[in-house]
Amino acid sequence: IVLGGSRARGIARPDSDVDIGIY
């Protein structure tokens, strides 16, 4: 579980800047 900018990841929520999800 990673806390960070999901826009950089683009997996969990590409439209969100900060999101908690499993990458």
Protein backbone atom coordinates (compact mmCIF):
# COMPACT_ATOMS: atom_id res chain seq x y z
CA ILE A 1 0.00 0.00 0.00
CA VAL A 2 1.48 3.30 -1.11
CA LEU A 3 0.55 6.87 -0.24
CA GLY A 4 1.48 9.24 -3.01
CA GLY A 5 0.46 11.04 -6.15
CA SER A 6 -1.53 8.61 -8.23
CA ARG A 7 -1.24 10.98 -11.18
CA ALA A 8 2.42 10.00 -11.36
CA ARG A 9 1.45 6.35 -11.09
CA GLY A 10 -1.64 6.64 -13.23
CA ILE A 11 -3.09 3.36 -12.01
CA ALA A 12 -5.56 3.83 -9.19
CA ARG A 13 -6.80 7.34 -9.95
CA PRO A 14 -5.20 9.19 -12.87
CA ASP A 15 -7.42 12.20 -12.11
CA SER A 16 -6.34 12.43 -8.47
CA ASP A 17 -3.17 14.04 -7.16
CA VAL A 18 -3.01 12.11 -3.89
CA ASP A 19 -4.50 8.68 -3.43
CA ILE A 20 -4.00 5.61 -1.26
CA GLY A 21 -4.00 2.38 -3.20
CA ILE A 22 -2.21 -0.84 -3.94
CA TYR A 23 0.22 -0.40 -6.80
